[in-house]
Amino acid sequence: MPNFRKSTHHIDHHTGRILSKEELDAKHEAALEAKALITWKSPERIFKSRSRKYFTKVALYGLIFVLAAIAFGEFFLVGVIIAVVFVVYVLATVAPQVIEHKITNMGIISGGRAFLWEELDSFWFDRKGDDRLLIVQTELHFPTRLIILLTKVSERTLLDLIEKHLHYHTGPVHTLFDKWAHTLQKRINFD
């Protein structure tokens, strides 16, 4: 199980001392300039083109929840439901950008943002449909997980590189929220 504590300070693993914000920023800049051991490009998120039936179901579920919220007098909840339906619509219609990912000797760079090995906890590989994923648990408040799509890069190559720095889980690690979301996805099928 990964370590879910969120540290408020960063410790340099070479010297064992606490890094100041300036030193941490300098380390992130150095990581961005570090030589890449492996590089690949992939979409920033999983994308599946959706049918008209999907959008109709989302709109109907949204309408049912809006009517229920109005019936209970929860008008703030109506705004939240409309916002969620809008986000679902945007994510289903706008194709993701292709971003570059790098593994360096200092950490992982994804989408132009550096994540130092000291900020990362563990990793594993997963599948979602036809997509292969590299999941990295972080020690940051945000993001708590990096979910990186693997295109042409081999899992074995990544395992050999990352396992030197992070703990490897042979199977996916699911929190209670992950299990709940997965169950909900199985029960409510929009396709």
C-alpha atoms as a PDB file:
ATOM      1  CA  MET A   1       0.000   0.000   0.000  1.00  0.00           C
ATOM      2  CA  PRO A   2       1.427   3.435  -0.838  1.00  0.00           C
ATOM      3  CA  ASN A   3       2.287   5.946   1.822  1.00  0.00           C
ATOM      4  CA  PHE A   4      -0.557   8.481   1.805  1.00  0.00           C
ATOM      5  CA  ARG A   5       0.980  11.028   4.165  1.00  0.00           C
ATOM      6  CA  LYS A   6       1.525  14.451   2.681  1.00  0.00           C
ATOM      7  CA  SER A   7       4.770  16.025   3.777  1.00  0.00           C
ATOM      8  CA  THR A   8       4.895  19.758   4.395  1.00  0.00           C
ATOM      9  CA  HIS A   9       8.640  19.945   3.821  1.00  0.00           C
ATOM     10  CA  HIS A  10      11.007  18.362   1.335  1.00  0.00           C
ATOM     11  CA  ILE A  11      14.147  16.543   2.390  1.00  0.00           C
ATOM     12  CA  ASP A  12      17.170  16.278   0.120  1.00  0.00           C
ATOM     13  CA  HIS A  13      17.893  12.545   0.044  1.00  0.00           C
ATOM     14  CA  HIS A  14      21.607  13.097  -0.631  1.00  0.00           C
ATOM     15  CA  THR A  15      22.314  15.433   2.298  1.00  0.00           C
ATOM     16  CA  GLY A  16      19.364  14.615   4.580  1.00  0.00           C
ATOM     17  CA  ARG A  17      18.527  18.267   5.220  1.00  0.00           C
ATOM     18  CA  ILE A  18      15.263  20.155   4.656  1.00  0.00           C
ATOM     19  CA  LEU A  19      15.181  22.179   1.422  1.00  0.00           C
ATOM     20  CA  SER A  20      13.988  25.782   1.332  1.00  0.00           C
ATOM     21  CA  LYS A  21      11.401  26.836  -1.270  1.00  0.00           C
ATOM     22  CA  GLU A  22      14.139  28.509  -3.358  1.00  0.00           C
ATOM     23  CA  GLU A  23      16.306  25.381  -3.292  1.00  0.00           C
ATOM     24  CA  LEU A  24      13.305  23.233  -4.242  1.00  0.00           C
ATOM     25  CA  ASP A  25      12.440  25.566  -7.145  1.00  0.00           C
ATOM     26  CA  ALA A  26      16.067  25.447  -8.321  1.00  0.00           C
ATOM     27  CA  LYS A  27      15.963  21.648  -8.168  1.00  0.00           C
ATOM     28  CA  HIS A  28      12.762  21.619 -10.276  1.00  0.00           C
ATOM     29  CA  GLU A  29      14.444  23.886 -12.860  1.00  0.00           C
ATOM     30  CA  ALA A  30      17.488  21.594 -12.935  1.00  0.00           C
ATOM     31  CA  ALA A  31      15.195  18.587 -13.411  1.00  0.00           C
ATOM     32  CA  LEU A  32      13.593  20.251 -16.444  1.00  0.00           C
ATOM     33  CA  GLU A  33      17.071  20.689 -17.971  1.00  0.00           C
ATOM     34  CA  ALA A  34      18.333  17.197 -17.031  1.00  0.00           C
ATOM     35  CA  LYS A  35      19.149  14.675 -19.738  1.00  0.00           C
ATOM     36  CA  ALA A  36      16.185  12.430 -20.537  1.00  0.00           C
ATOM     37  CA  LEU A  37      16.707   8.691 -20.137  1.00  0.00           C
ATOM     38  CA  ILE A  38      13.503   7.978 -22.074  1.00  0.00           C
ATOM     39  CA  THR A  39      10.981  10.262 -23.784  1.00  0.00           C
ATOM     40  CA  TRP A  40       7.555   9.676 -25.300  1.00  0.00           C
ATOM     41  CA  LYS A  41       4.472  11.624 -26.282  1.00  0.00           C
ATOM     42  CA  SER A  42       0.885  10.751 -25.467  1.00  0.00           C
ATOM     43  CA  PRO A  43      -2.490  12.441 -25.005  1.00  0.00           C
ATOM     44  CA  GLU A  44      -2.850  14.202 -21.654  1.00  0.00           C
ATOM     45  CA  ARG A  45      -5.929  12.120 -20.788  1.00  0.00           C
ATOM     46  CA  ILE A  46      -7.922   9.156 -22.046  1.00  0.00           C
ATOM     47  CA  PHE A  47     -10.332  10.196 -24.777  1.00  0.00           C
ATOM     48  CA  LYS A  48     -13.144   8.248 -26.353  1.00  0.00           C
ATOM     49  CA  SER A  49     -15.441   9.790 -28.942  1.00  0.00           C
ATOM     50  CA  ARG A  50     -19.017   9.610 -27.721  1.00  0.00           C
ATOM     51  CA  SER A  51     -22.292   9.030 -29.534  1.00  0.00           C
ATOM     52  CA  ARG A  52     -25.422  11.163 -29.434  1.00  0.00           C
ATOM     53  CA  LYS A  53     -26.982   8.496 -27.188  1.00  0.00           C
ATOM     54  CA  TYR A  54     -24.277   9.158 -24.561  1.00  0.00           C
ATOM     55  CA  PHE A  55     -25.019  12.892 -24.461  1.00  0.00           C
ATOM     56  CA  THR A  56     -28.758  12.223 -24.274  1.00  0.00           C
ATOM     57  CA  LYS A  57     -28.270   9.931 -21.256  1.00  0.00           C
ATOM     58  CA  VAL A  58     -26.001  12.464 -19.524  1.00  0.00           C
ATOM     59  CA  ALA A  59     -28.573  15.220 -20.097  1.00  0.00           C
ATOM     60  CA  LEU A  60     -31.419  13.028 -18.801  1.00  0.00           C
ATOM     61  CA  TYR A  61     -29.518  12.008 -15.655  1.00  0.00           C
ATOM     62  CA  GLY A  62     -28.596  15.655 -15.133  1.00  0.00           C
ATOM     63  CA  LEU A  63     -32.230  16.726 -15.537  1.00  0.00           C
ATOM     64  CA  ILE A  64     -33.438  14.071 -13.074  1.00  0.00           C
ATOM     65  CA  PHE A  65     -30.876  15.179 -10.461  1.00  0.00           C
ATOM     66  CA  VAL A  66     -31.714  18.873 -11.047  1.00  0.00           C
ATOM     67  CA  LEU A  67     -35.434  18.194 -10.547  1.00  0.00           C
ATOM     68  CA  ALA A  68     -34.693  16.191  -7.388  1.00  0.00           C
ATOM     69  CA  ALA A  69     -32.504  19.015  -6.048  1.00  0.00           C
ATOM     70  CA  ILE A  70     -35.241  21.565  -6.761  1.00  0.00           C
ATOM     71  CA  ALA A  71     -37.814  19.340  -5.042  1.00  0.00           C
ATOM     72  CA  PHE A  72     -35.601  19.238  -1.928  1.00  0.00           C
ATOM     73  CA  GLY A  73     -34.970  22.989  -2.109  1.00  0.00           C
ATOM     74  CA  GLU A  74     -31.232  22.553  -2.725  1.00  0.00           C
ATOM     75  CA  PHE A  75     -30.735  25.340  -5.266  1.00  0.00           C
ATOM     76  CA  PHE A  76     -26.969  25.470  -4.800  1.00  0.00           C
ATOM     77  CA  LEU A  77     -26.849  21.783  -5.745  1.00  0.00           C
ATOM     78  CA  VAL A  78     -28.631  22.631  -9.016  1.00  0.00           C
ATOM     79  CA  GLY A  79     -25.663  24.824  -9.994  1.00  0.00           C
ATOM     80  CA  VAL A  80     -23.209  22.078  -9.077  1.00  0.00           C
ATOM     81  CA  ILE A  81     -25.103  19.491 -11.156  1.00  0.00           C
ATOM     82  CA  ILE A  82     -25.230  21.819 -14.168  1.00  0.00           C
ATOM     83  CA  ALA A  83     -21.478  22.484 -13.804  1.00  0.00           C
ATOM     84  CA  VAL A  84     -20.721  18.743 -13.662  1.00  0.00           C
ATOM     85  CA  VAL A  85     -22.854  18.064 -16.759  1.00  0.00           C
ATOM     86  CA  PHE A  86     -21.009  20.887 -18.557  1.00  0.00           C
ATOM     87  CA  VAL A  87     -17.591  19.456 -17.615  1.00  0.00           C
ATOM     88  CA  VAL A  88     -18.680  15.979 -18.796  1.00  0.00           C
ATOM     89  CA  TYR A  89     -19.806  17.510 -22.106  1.00  0.00           C
ATOM     90  CA  VAL A  90     -16.547  19.430 -22.599  1.00  0.00           C
ATOM     91  CA  LEU A  91     -14.333  16.439 -21.737  1.00  0.00           C
ATOM     92  CA  ALA A  92     -16.305  14.221 -24.133  1.00  0.00           C
ATOM     93  CA  THR A  93     -16.177  16.665 -27.061  1.00  0.00           C
ATOM     94  CA  VAL A  94     -12.739  18.316 -26.840  1.00  0.00           C
ATOM     95  CA  ALA A  95      -9.856  16.046 -27.822  1.00  0.00           C
ATOM     96  CA  PRO A  96      -6.872  16.149 -25.427  1.00  0.00           C
ATOM     97  CA  GLN A  97      -3.554  17.735 -26.348  1.00  0.00           C
ATOM     98  CA  VAL A  98      -0.518  15.566 -26.948  1.00  0.00           C
ATOM     99  CA  ILE A  99       2.147  16.204 -24.302  1.00  0.00           C
ATOM    100  CA  GLU A 100       5.687  14.978 -23.787  1.00  0.00           C
ATOM    101  CA  HIS A 101       6.791  12.788 -20.874  1.00  0.00           C
ATOM    102  CA  LYS A 102      10.401  12.234 -19.789  1.00  0.00           C
ATOM    103  CA  ILE A 103      12.117  10.066 -17.238  1.00  0.00           C
ATOM    104  CA  THR A 104      15.368  11.650 -16.036  1.00  0.00           C
ATOM    105  CA  ASN A 105      17.834  10.832 -13.287  1.00  0.00           C
ATOM    106  CA  MET A 106      16.133  13.570 -11.187  1.00  0.00           C
ATOM    107  CA  GLY A 107      12.494  12.551 -11.648  1.00  0.00           C
ATOM    108  CA  ILE A 108       9.562  12.484 -14.053  1.00  0.00           C
ATOM    109  CA  ILE A 109       8.677  15.387 -16.328  1.00  0.00           C
ATOM    110  CA  SER A 110       5.136  15.343 -17.642  1.00  0.00           C
ATOM    111  CA  GLY A 111       3.579  18.137 -19.659  1.00  0.00           C
ATOM    112  CA  GLY A 112       6.449  20.501 -18.866  1.00  0.00           C
ATOM    113  CA  ARG A 113       6.167  20.042 -15.083  1.00  0.00           C
ATOM    114  CA  ALA A 114       8.919  18.358 -13.090  1.00  0.00           C
ATOM    115  CA  PHE A 115       8.176  15.849 -10.334  1.00  0.00           C
ATOM    116  CA  LEU A 116      11.308  15.010  -8.342  1.00  0.00           C
ATOM    117  CA  TRP A 117      11.916  11.492  -7.053  1.00  0.00           C
ATOM    118  CA  GLU A 118      11.680  12.920  -3.507  1.00  0.00           C
ATOM    119  CA  GLU A 119       8.085  14.004  -4.241  1.00  0.00           C
ATOM    120  CA  LEU A 120       7.013  10.605  -5.574  1.00  0.00           C
ATOM    121  CA  ASP A 121       6.071   7.558  -3.524  1.00  0.00           C
ATOM    122  CA  SER A 122       5.318   4.471  -5.625  1.00  0.00           C
ATOM    123  CA  PHE A 123       4.092   3.371  -9.044  1.00  0.00           C
ATOM    124  CA  TRP A 124       2.223   0.654 -10.916  1.00  0.00           C
ATOM    125  CA  PHE A 125       0.833  -0.100 -14.343  1.00  0.00           C
ATOM    126  CA  ASP A 126      -2.855  -0.350 -15.154  1.00  0.00           C
ATOM    127  CA  ARG A 127      -5.190  -0.695 -18.126  1.00  0.00           C
ATOM    128  CA  LYS A 128      -8.338   1.220 -18.939  1.00  0.00           C
ATOM    129  CA  GLY A 129      -9.969  -0.267 -22.012  1.00  0.00           C
ATOM    130  CA  ASP A 130      -7.290  -0.425 -24.701  1.00  0.00           C
ATOM    131  CA  ASP A 131      -5.080   2.174 -23.008  1.00  0.00           C
ATOM    132  CA  ARG A 132      -2.028   1.287 -20.933  1.00  0.00           C
ATOM    133  CA  LEU A 133      -1.349   3.590 -17.985  1.00  0.00           C
ATOM    134  CA  LEU A 134       1.569   4.406 -15.719  1.00  0.00           C
ATOM    135  CA  ILE A 135       0.193   5.499 -12.339  1.00  0.00           C
ATOM    136  CA  VAL A 136       2.578   7.268  -9.952  1.00  0.00           C
ATOM    137  CA  GLN A 137       1.493   8.000  -6.374  1.00  0.00           C
ATOM    138  CA  THR A 138       2.941  11.331  -5.209  1.00  0.00           C
ATOM    139  CA  GLU A 139       3.566  12.836  -1.790  1.00  0.00           C
ATOM    140  CA  LEU A 140       2.175  16.170  -2.992  1.00  0.00           C
ATOM    141  CA  HIS A 141      -1.128  17.715  -1.979  1.00  0.00           C
ATOM    142  CA  PHE A 142      -1.895  18.177  -5.694  1.00  0.00           C
ATOM    143  CA  PRO A 143      -1.671  16.116  -7.804  1.00  0.00           C
ATOM    144  CA  THR A 144      -1.816  13.066  -5.581  1.00  0.00           C
ATOM    145  CA  ARG A 145      -1.415  10.775  -8.597  1.00  0.00           C
ATOM    146  CA  LEU A 146       0.175  11.105 -11.988  1.00  0.00           C
ATOM    147  CA  ILE A 147      -1.741   9.137 -14.604  1.00  0.00           C
ATOM    148  CA  ILE A 148       0.367   8.915 -17.750  1.00  0.00           C
ATOM    149  CA  LEU A 149      -0.728   7.161 -20.927  1.00  0.00           C
ATOM    150  CA  LEU A 150       1.818   4.816 -22.448  1.00  0.00           C
ATOM    151  CA  THR A 151       1.908   4.832 -26.226  1.00  0.00           C
ATOM    152  CA  LYS A 152       4.914   3.106 -27.776  1.00  0.00           C
ATOM    153  CA  VAL A 153       7.073   2.885 -24.676  1.00  0.00           C
ATOM    154  CA  SER A 154       7.439  -0.535 -23.094  1.00  0.00           C
ATOM    155  CA  GLU A 155       6.352  -1.200 -19.519  1.00  0.00           C
ATOM    156  CA  ARG A 156       9.500  -3.264 -18.955  1.00  0.00           C
ATOM    157  CA  THR A 157      11.755  -0.338 -19.903  1.00  0.00           C
ATOM    158  CA  LEU A 158       9.889   1.997 -17.565  1.00  0.00           C
ATOM    159  CA  LEU A 159       9.919  -0.594 -14.785  1.00  0.00           C
ATOM    160  CA  ASP A 160      13.709  -0.922 -15.046  1.00  0.00           C
ATOM    161  CA  LEU A 161      14.182   2.872 -14.925  1.00  0.00           C
ATOM    162  CA  ILE A 162      11.652   3.868 -12.262  1.00  0.00           C
ATOM    163  CA  GLU A 163      12.114   0.896  -9.908  1.00  0.00           C
ATOM    164  CA  LYS A 164      15.573   2.251  -9.018  1.00  0.00           C
ATOM    165  CA  HIS A 165      13.877   5.230  -7.349  1.00  0.00           C
ATOM    166  CA  LEU A 166      10.304   4.256  -6.380  1.00  0.00           C
ATOM    167  CA  HIS A 167       8.499   1.273  -4.877  1.00  0.00           C
ATOM    168  CA  TYR A 168       6.725  -0.858  -7.510  1.00  0.00           C
ATOM    169  CA  HIS A 169       3.286  -2.391  -6.907  1.00  0.00           C
ATOM    170  CA  THR A 170       2.603  -5.450  -9.066  1.00  0.00           C
ATOM    171  CA  GLY A 171      -1.107  -4.640  -9.290  1.00  0.00           C
ATOM    172  CA  PRO A 172      -3.182  -1.497  -9.130  1.00  0.00           C
ATOM    173  CA  VAL A 173      -3.587   0.117  -5.721  1.00  0.00           C
ATOM    174  CA  HIS A 174      -7.167   1.225  -5.186  1.00  0.00           C
ATOM    175  CA  THR A 175      -8.351   3.527  -2.442  1.00  0.00           C
ATOM    176  CA  LEU A 176     -11.885   3.352  -1.104  1.00  0.00           C
ATOM    177  CA  PHE A 177     -12.829   6.227  -3.435  1.00  0.00           C
ATOM    178  CA  ASP A 178     -11.362   4.348  -6.443  1.00  0.00           C
ATOM    179  CA  LYS A 179     -13.410   1.254  -5.603  1.00  0.00           C
ATOM    180  CA  TRP A 180     -16.557   3.339  -5.164  1.00  0.00           C
ATOM    181  CA  ALA A 181     -16.022   5.156  -8.491  1.00  0.00           C
ATOM    182  CA  HIS A 182     -15.320   1.872 -10.314  1.00  0.00           C
ATOM    183  CA  THR A 183     -18.522   0.303  -8.930  1.00  0.00           C
ATOM    184  CA  LEU A 184     -20.501   3.379  -9.944  1.00  0.00           C
ATOM    185  CA  GLN A 185     -19.034   3.247 -13.471  1.00  0.00           C
ATOM    186  CA  LYS A 186     -20.107  -0.381 -13.832  1.00  0.00           C
ATOM    187  CA  ARG A 187     -23.646   0.271 -12.590  1.00  0.00           C
ATOM    188  CA  ILE A 188     -24.319   3.478 -14.544  1.00  0.00           C
ATOM    189  CA  ASN A 189     -23.417   2.845 -18.155  1.00  0.00           C
ATOM    190  CA  PHE A 190     -23.836   5.865 -20.421  1.00  0.00           C
ATOM    191  CA  ASP A 191     -22.908   4.099 -23.677  1.00  0.00           C
END
